[in-house]
C-alpha atoms as a PDB file:
ATOM      1  CA  MET A   1      -0.007   0.021   0.008  1.00  0.00           C
ATOM      2  CA  THR A   2       1.315   3.400  -0.966  1.00  0.00           C
ATOM      3  CA  SER A   3       1.476   6.401   1.440  1.00  0.00           C
ATOM      4  CA  PRO A   4      -0.970   9.214   0.766  1.00  0.00           C
ATOM      5  CA  THR A   5       0.375  12.253  -1.092  1.00  0.00           C
ATOM      6  CA  LYS A   6       0.660  15.631   0.638  1.00  0.00           C
ATOM      7  CA  MET A   7      -2.386  16.802  -1.364  1.00  0.00           C
ATOM      8  CA  GLN A   8      -4.485  13.719  -0.261  1.00  0.00           C
ATOM      9  CA  THR A   9      -3.426  14.239   3.378  1.00  0.00           C
ATOM     10  CA  GLY A  10      -4.253  17.952   3.153  1.00  0.00           C
ATOM     11  CA  LEU A  11      -7.704  17.358   1.652  1.00  0.00           C
ATOM     12  CA  ALA A  12      -8.392  14.613   4.226  1.00  0.00           C
ATOM     13  CA  SER A  13      -7.282  16.988   6.997  1.00  0.00           C
ATOM     14  CA  LEU A  14      -9.604  19.772   5.653  1.00  0.00           C
ATOM     15  CA  ALA A  15     -12.488  17.268   5.444  1.00  0.00           C
ATOM     16  CA  CYS A  16     -11.886  16.178   9.068  1.00  0.00           C
ATOM     17  CA  VAL A  17     -11.788  19.909  10.192  1.00  0.00           C
ATOM     18  CA  VAL A  18     -15.142  20.557   8.440  1.00  0.00           C
ATOM     19  CA  ALA A  19     -16.653  17.452  10.014  1.00  0.00           C
ATOM     20  CA  GLY A  20     -15.485  18.568  13.443  1.00  0.00           C
ATOM     21  CA  CYS A  21     -16.727  22.142  12.944  1.00  0.00           C
ATOM     22  CA  VAL A  22     -20.165  20.682  11.903  1.00  0.00           C
ATOM     23  CA  LEU A  23     -20.387  18.607  15.143  1.00  0.00           C
ATOM     24  CA  LEU A  24     -19.343  21.642  17.158  1.00  0.00           C
ATOM     25  CA  TYR A  25     -21.946  23.856  15.543  1.00  0.00           C
ATOM     26  CA  GLY A  26     -24.577  21.168  15.933  1.00  0.00           C
ATOM     27  CA  GLY A  27     -23.798  20.826  19.684  1.00  0.00           C
ATOM     28  CA  LEU A  28     -23.889  24.548  20.164  1.00  0.00           C
ATOM     29  CA  THR A  29     -27.345  24.840  18.510  1.00  0.00           C
ATOM     30  CA  LYS A  30     -28.826  22.158  20.848  1.00  0.00           C
ATOM     31  CA  LEU A  31     -27.457  23.792  24.045  1.00  0.00           C
ATOM     32  CA  GLY A  32     -30.128  26.684  24.001  1.00  0.00           C
ATOM     33  CA  ASP A  33     -33.213  24.421  23.902  1.00  0.00           C
ATOM     34  CA  THR A  34     -32.561  21.023  25.555  1.00  0.00           C
ATOM     35  CA  GLU A  35     -36.313  20.574  26.315  1.00  0.00           C
ATOM     36  CA  ASN A  36     -37.350  20.533  22.695  1.00  0.00           C
ATOM     37  CA  PHE A  37     -34.246  18.501  21.762  1.00  0.00           C
ATOM     38  CA  ALA A  38     -35.419  15.951  24.421  1.00  0.00           C
ATOM     39  CA  ALA A  39     -38.820  15.804  22.714  1.00  0.00           C
ATOM     40  CA  ILE A  40     -37.208  15.142  19.306  1.00  0.00           C
ATOM     41  CA  ILE A  41     -35.071  12.343  20.900  1.00  0.00           C
ATOM     42  CA  ALA A  42     -38.193  10.769  22.597  1.00  0.00           C
ATOM     43  CA  ALA A  43     -40.100  10.987  19.302  1.00  0.00           C
ATOM     44  CA  HIS A  44     -37.772   8.512  17.716  1.00  0.00           C
ATOM     45  CA  GLY A  45     -39.029   5.901  20.210  1.00  0.00           C
ATOM     46  CA  LEU A  46     -35.625   4.576  21.110  1.00  0.00           C
ATOM     47  CA  VAL A  47     -35.645   5.795  24.740  1.00  0.00           C
ATOM     48  CA  GLY A  48     -38.275   7.034  27.175  1.00  0.00           C
ATOM     49  CA  GLU A  49     -38.881  10.612  28.070  1.00  0.00           C
ATOM     50  CA  ALA A  50     -36.710  10.559  31.223  1.00  0.00           C
ATOM     51  CA  ALA A  51     -33.775   9.116  29.310  1.00  0.00           C
ATOM     52  CA  ALA A  52     -34.342  11.555  26.475  1.00  0.00           C
ATOM     53  CA  ARG A  53     -34.070  14.485  28.910  1.00  0.00           C
ATOM     54  CA  VAL A  54     -30.772  13.155  30.277  1.00  0.00           C
ATOM     55  CA  LEU A  55     -29.408  12.586  26.775  1.00  0.00           C
ATOM     56  CA  ALA A  56     -30.566  16.037  25.655  1.00  0.00           C
ATOM     57  CA  GLY A  57     -28.562  17.508  28.499  1.00  0.00           C
ATOM     58  CA  MET A  58     -25.388  15.572  27.957  1.00  0.00           C
ATOM     59  CA  PHE A  59     -25.353  14.990  24.122  1.00  0.00           C
ATOM     60  CA  PRO A  60     -24.565  18.573  23.029  1.00  0.00           C
ATOM     61  CA  TRP A  61     -21.442  18.514  25.173  1.00  0.00           C
ATOM     62  CA  ALA A  62     -20.271  15.190  23.892  1.00  0.00           C
ATOM     63  CA  GLU A  63     -20.941  16.397  20.364  1.00  0.00           C
ATOM     64  CA  MET A  64     -18.898  19.548  20.920  1.00  0.00           C
ATOM     65  CA  LEU A  65     -16.034  17.735  22.521  1.00  0.00           C
ATOM     66  CA  ALA A  66     -15.820  15.237  19.663  1.00  0.00           C
ATOM     67  CA  GLY A  67     -16.102  18.083  17.158  1.00  0.00           C
ATOM     68  CA  ILE A  68     -13.301  20.109  18.722  1.00  0.00           C
ATOM     69  CA  GLY A  69     -11.026  16.934  18.827  1.00  0.00           C
ATOM     70  CA  CYS A  70     -11.970  16.096  15.257  1.00  0.00           C
ATOM     71  CA  ALA A  71     -11.398  19.723  14.088  1.00  0.00           C
ATOM     72  CA  ILE A  72      -7.942  19.761  15.581  1.00  0.00           C
ATOM     73  CA  ARG A  73      -7.294  16.343  14.139  1.00  0.00           C
ATOM     74  CA  ARG A  74      -6.721  14.393  17.290  1.00  0.00           C
ATOM     75  CA  ARG A  75      -6.963  10.736  16.433  1.00  0.00           C
ATOM     76  CA  PRO A  76      -8.658   9.675  19.676  1.00  0.00           C
ATOM     77  CA  PHE A  77     -11.456  12.040  18.990  1.00  0.00           C
ATOM     78  CA  ILE A  78     -11.936  11.211  15.286  1.00  0.00           C
ATOM     79  CA  TRP A  79     -13.179   7.813  16.137  1.00  0.00           C
ATOM     80  CA  PRO A  80     -16.007   9.027  18.467  1.00  0.00           C
ATOM     81  CA  ALA A  81     -16.866  11.781  15.866  1.00  0.00           C
ATOM     82  CA  SER A  82     -17.152   9.110  13.192  1.00  0.00           C
ATOM     83  CA  GLY A  83     -19.243   6.959  15.588  1.00  0.00           C
ATOM     84  CA  LEU A  84     -21.629   9.919  16.114  1.00  0.00           C
ATOM     85  CA  TYR A  85     -22.020  10.426  12.337  1.00  0.00           C
ATOM     86  CA  LEU A  86     -22.671   6.651  11.920  1.00  0.00           C
ATOM     87  CA  SER A  87     -25.289   6.694  14.672  1.00  0.00           C
ATOM     88  CA  PHE A  88     -26.931   9.811  13.105  1.00  0.00           C
ATOM     89  CA  LEU A  89     -27.051   7.922   9.783  1.00  0.00           C
ATOM     90  CA  VAL A  90     -28.488   4.746  11.364  1.00  0.00           C
ATOM     91  CA  ILE A  91     -31.233   6.770  13.242  1.00  0.00           C
ATOM     92  CA  ALA A  92     -32.086   8.805  10.062  1.00  0.00           C
ATOM     93  CA  VAL A  93     -32.493   5.790   7.937  1.00  0.00           C
ATOM     94  CA  ARG A  94     -34.504   3.943  10.672  1.00  0.00           C
ATOM     95  CA  ALA A  95     -36.817   7.020  10.947  1.00  0.00           C
ATOM     96  CA  MET A  96     -37.278   7.003   7.199  1.00  0.00           C
ATOM     97  CA  VAL A  97     -38.081   3.249   7.067  1.00  0.00           C
ATOM     98  CA  LEU A  98     -40.512   3.394   9.928  1.00  0.00           C
ATOM     99  CA  GLY A  99     -42.097   6.646   8.651  1.00  0.00           C
ATOM    100  CA  ILE A 100     -41.222   8.600  11.758  1.00  0.00           C
ATOM    101  CA  HIS A 101     -41.779  12.304  10.761  1.00  0.00           C
ATOM    102  CA  VAL A 102     -39.805  14.394  13.264  1.00  0.00           C
ATOM    103  CA  PRO A 103     -37.264  17.201  12.768  1.00  0.00           C
ATOM    104  CA  CYS A 104     -33.717  16.082  12.416  1.00  0.00           C
ATOM    105  CA  GLY A 105     -32.595  18.021  15.457  1.00  0.00           C
ATOM    106  CA  CYS A 106     -29.164  18.258  13.792  1.00  0.00           C
ATOM    107  CA  PHE A 107     -28.841  22.055  13.939  1.00  0.00           C
ATOM    108  CA  GLY A 108     -31.511  23.203  16.404  1.00  0.00           C
ATOM    109  CA  LEU A 109     -35.251  23.294  15.930  1.00  0.00           C
ATOM    110  CA  ALA A 110     -35.390  24.943  12.517  1.00  0.00           C
ATOM    111  CA  ASP A 111     -34.447  21.635  10.887  1.00  0.00           C
ATOM    112  CA  ALA A 112     -36.711  20.052   8.291  1.00  0.00           C
ATOM    113  CA  PRO A 113     -37.995  16.544   8.912  1.00  0.00           C
ATOM    114  CA  ILE A 114     -35.516  13.683   8.343  1.00  0.00           C
ATOM    115  CA  GLY A 115     -35.172  12.841   4.637  1.00  0.00           C
ATOM    116  CA  TRP A 116     -32.716  11.964   1.932  1.00  0.00           C
ATOM    117  CA  GLU A 117     -30.867  15.269   2.476  1.00  0.00           C
ATOM    118  CA  THR A 118     -30.297  14.266   6.088  1.00  0.00           C
ATOM    119  CA  VAL A 119     -29.043  10.744   4.933  1.00  0.00           C
ATOM    120  CA  LEU A 120     -26.657  12.154   2.385  1.00  0.00           C
ATOM    121  CA  ARG A 121     -25.316  14.814   4.729  1.00  0.00           C
ATOM    122  CA  ASP A 122     -24.623  12.064   7.443  1.00  0.00           C
ATOM    123  CA  ILE A 123     -22.870   9.820   4.770  1.00  0.00           C
ATOM    124  CA  ALA A 124     -20.703  12.818   3.685  1.00  0.00           C
ATOM    125  CA  MET A 125     -19.799  13.859   7.253  1.00  0.00           C
ATOM    126  CA  LEU A 126     -18.964  10.242   8.182  1.00  0.00           C
ATOM    127  CA  ALA A 127     -16.703  10.044   5.198  1.00  0.00           C
ATOM    128  CA  ALA A 128     -15.207  13.481   6.128  1.00  0.00           C
ATOM    129  CA  ALA A 129     -14.468  12.487   9.661  1.00  0.00           C
ATOM    130  CA  GLY A 130     -13.138   9.082   8.664  1.00  0.00           C
ATOM    131  CA  ALA A 131     -10.824  10.787   6.120  1.00  0.00           C
ATOM    132  CA  GLY A 132      -9.262  12.557   9.021  1.00  0.00           C
ATOM    133  CA  LEU A 133      -7.631   9.313  10.021  1.00  0.00           C
ATOM    134  CA  LEU A 134      -5.528   9.545   6.800  1.00  0.00           C
ATOM    135  CA  GLY A 135      -2.250  10.930   7.611  1.00  0.00           C
ATOM    136  CA  THR A 136      -2.999  11.979  11.200  1.00  0.00           C
ATOM    137  CA  THR A 137      -0.294  11.355  13.767  1.00  0.00           C
ATOM    138  CA  ASN A 138      -1.198  10.463  17.242  1.00  0.00           C
ATOM    139  CA  ARG A 139      -0.283  13.148  19.672  1.00  0.00           C
ATOM    140  CA  VAL A 140      -1.566  11.425  22.773  1.00  0.00           C
ATOM    141  CA  GLY A 141       0.446   8.150  22.936  1.00  0.00           C
ATOM    142  CA  GLY A 142      -0.325   5.118  24.934  1.00  0.00           C
ATOM    143  CA  LEU A 143      -3.443   3.194  23.959  1.00  0.00           C
ATOM    144  CA  PHE A 144      -3.955   5.624  21.082  1.00  0.00           C
ATOM    145  CA  SER A 145      -0.440   5.397  19.714  1.00  0.00           C
ATOM    146  CA  ASP A 146       0.183   4.944  16.004  1.00  0.00           C
ATOM    147  CA  ASP A 147       2.916   2.478  16.839  1.00  0.00           C
ATOM    148  CA  PRO A 148       1.918  -0.703  15.062  1.00  0.00           C
ATOM    149  CA  SER A 149       3.517  -2.942  17.763  1.00  0.00           C
ATOM    150  CA  ARG A 150       0.859  -1.786  20.324  1.00  0.00           C
END
Protein backbone atom coordinates (compact mmCIF):
# COMPACT_ATOMS: atom_id res chain seq x y z
CA MET A 1 0.00 0.00 0.00
CA THR A 2 1.35 3.42 -0.90
CA SER A 3 1.45 6.39 1.42
CA PRO A 4 -0.98 9.22 0.79
CA THR A 5 0.38 12.25 -1.03
CA LYS A 6 0.64 15.60 0.69
CA MET A 7 -2.37 16.81 -1.28
CA GLN A 8 -4.45 13.77 -0.27
CA THR A 9 -3.43 14.23 3.34
CA GLY A 10 -4.22 17.94 3.14
CA LEU A 11 -7.68 17.34 1.66
CA ALA A 12 -8.37 14.63 4.23
CA SER A 13 -7.33 17.03 6.99
CA LEU A 14 -9.60 19.74 5.62
CA ALA A 15 -12.51 17.28 5.44
CA CYS A 16 -11.90 16.27 9.05
CA VAL A 17 -11.79 19.90 10.18
CA VAL A 18 -15.10 20.56 8.41
CA ALA A 19 -16.69 17.47 10.00
CA GLY A 20 -15.46 18.58 13.42
CA CYS A 21 -16.79 22.11 12.95
CA VAL A 22 -20.19 20.73 11.90
CA LEU A 23 -20.34 18.68 15.13
CA LEU A 24 -19.30 21.71 17.17
CA TYR A 25 -21.97 23.87 15.53
CA GLY A 26 -24.60 21.16 15.95
CA GLY A 27 -23.80 20.84 19.65
CA LEU A 28 -23.93 24.60 20.16
CA THR A 29 -27.36 24.86 18.54
CA LYS A 30 -28.76 22.18 20.84
CA LEU A 31 -27.54 23.79 24.06
CA GLY A 32 -30.11 26.56 24.00
CA ASP A 33 -33.21 24.38 23.91
CA THR A 34 -32.60 21.01 25.54
CA GLU A 35 -36.31 20.59 26.33
CA ASN A 36 -37.31 20.53 22.66
CA PHE A 37 -34.25 18.48 21.76
CA ALA A 38 -35.39 15.93 24.38
CA ALA A 39 -38.81 15.81 22.70
CA ILE A 40 -37.15 15.09 19.33
CA ILE A 41 -35.08 12.30 20.90
CA ALA A 42 -38.16 10.79 22.56
CA ALA A 43 -40.16 11.00 19.32
CA HIS A 44 -37.79 8.49 17.75
CA GLY A 45 -39.05 5.88 20.23
CA LEU A 46 -35.60 4.55 21.11
CA VAL A 47 -35.65 5.77 24.72
CA GLY A 48 -38.26 7.01 27.17
CA GLU A 49 -38.89 10.63 28.05
CA ALA A 50 -36.70 10.60 31.19
CA ALA A 51 -33.74 9.13 29.31
CA ALA A 52 -34.35 11.58 26.45
CA ARG A 53 -34.07 14.50 28.89
CA VAL A 54 -30.77 13.15 30.25
CA LEU A 55 -29.43 12.58 26.74
CA ALA A 56 -30.55 16.05 25.63
CA GLY A 57 -28.55 17.57 28.49
CA MET A 58 -25.39 15.53 27.91
CA PHE A 59 -25.34 14.97 24.17
CA PRO A 60 -24.52 18.53 23.01
CA TRP A 61 -21.42 18.55 25.23
CA ALA A 62 -20.23 15.18 23.90
CA GLU A 63 -20.90 16.35 20.36
CA MET A 64 -18.92 19.56 20.89
CA LEU A 65 -16.00 17.72 22.53
CA ALA A 66 -15.81 15.20 19.68
CA GLY A 67 -16.16 18.06 17.20
CA ILE A 68 -13.31 20.07 18.68
CA GLY A 69 -11.06 17.00 18.81
CA CYS A 70 -11.91 16.11 15.23
CA ALA A 71 -11.40 19.70 14.06
CA ILE A 72 -7.92 19.79 15.55
CA ARG A 73 -7.27 16.30 14.13
CA ARG A 74 -6.66 14.40 17.33
CA ARG A 75 -7.00 10.74 16.40
CA PRO A 76 -8.64 9.67 19.70
CA PHE A 77 -11.49 12.11 18.98
CA ILE A 78 -11.90 11.24 15.29
CA TRP A 79 -13.18 7.77 16.18
CA PRO A 80 -16.01 9.06 18.43
CA ALA A 81 -16.84 11.77 15.88
CA SER A 82 -17.12 9.08 13.21
CA GLY A 83 -19.25 7.01 15.59
CA LEU A 84 -21.59 9.95 16.12
CA TYR A 85 -22.03 10.40 12.38
CA LEU A 86 -22.62 6.68 11.95
CA SER A 87 -25.29 6.72 14.68
CA PHE A 88 -26.92 9.79 13.08
CA LEU A 89 -27.03 7.90 9.79
CA VAL A 90 -28.55 4.77 11.32
CA ILE A 91 -31.18 6.77 13.22
CA ALA A 92 -32.07 8.80 10.11
CA VAL A 93 -32.47 5.70 7.94
CA ARG A 94 -34.51 4.01 10.68
CA ALA A 95 -36.82 7.02 10.93
CA MET A 96 -37.34 7.04 7.16
CA VAL A 97 -38.02 3.29 7.00
CA LEU A 98 -40.48 3.45 9.91
CA GLY A 99 -42.13 6.64 8.66
CA ILE A 100 -41.21 8.66 11.75
CA HIS A 101 -41.75 12.31 10.79
CA VAL A 102 -39.75 14.38 13.26
CA PRO A 103 -37.27 17.18 12.76
CA CYS A 104 -33.70 16.04 12.38
CA GLY A 105 -32.61 18.03 15.43
CA CYS A 106 -29.19 18.28 13.82
CA PHE A 107 -28.86 22.05 13.98
CA GLY A 108 -31.54 23.20 16.37
CA LEU A 109 -35.26 23.29 15.91
CA ALA A 110 -35.33 24.94 12.49
CA ASP A 111 -34.45 21.63 10.87
CA ALA A 112 -36.71 20.03 8.30
CA PRO A 113 -37.97 16.51 8.93
CA ILE A 114 -35.51 13.70 8.32
CA GLY A 115 -35.20 12.88 4.62
CA TRP A 116 -32.71 11.96 1.93
CA GLU A 117 -30.87 15.26 2.45
CA THR A 118 -30.23 14.22 6.06
CA VAL A 119 -29.01 10.78 5.01
CA LEU A 120 -26.69 12.17 2.33
CA ARG A 121 -25.29 14.78 4.74
CA ASP A 122 -24.65 12.07 7.35
CA ILE A 123 -22.84 9.91 4.79
CA ALA A 124 -20.71 12.86 3.67
CA MET A 125 -19.82 13.86 7.23
CA LEU A 126 -19.02 10.25 8.18
CA ALA A 127 -16.66 10.06 5.21
CA ALA A 128 -15.15 13.45 6.07
CA ALA A 129 -14.50 12.51 9.69
CA GLY A 130 -13.10 9.14 8.65
CA ALA A 131 -10.84 10.83 6.12
CA GLY A 132 -9.22 12.59 9.04
CA LEU A 133 -7.59 9.30 9.97
CA LEU A 134 -5.57 9.52 6.78
CA GLY A 135 -2.22 10.95 7.65
CA THR A 136 -3.00 11.92 11.23
CA THR A 137 -0.35 11.35 13.77
CA ASN A 138 -1.22 10.48 17.26
CA ARG A 139 -0.28 13.18 19.69
CA VAL A 140 -1.57 11.38 22.78
CA GLY A 141 0.42 8.13 22.87
CA GLY A 142 -0.32 5.09 24.96
CA LEU A 143 -3.47 3.22 23.95
CA PHE A 144 -4.00 5.62 21.06
CA SER A 145 -0.46 5.34 19.70
CA ASP A 146 0.20 4.95 16.00
CA ASP A 147 2.95 2.46 16.85
CA PRO A 148 1.88 -0.76 15.08
CA SER A 149 3.51 -2.86 17.79
CA ARG A 150 0.83 -1.78 20.29
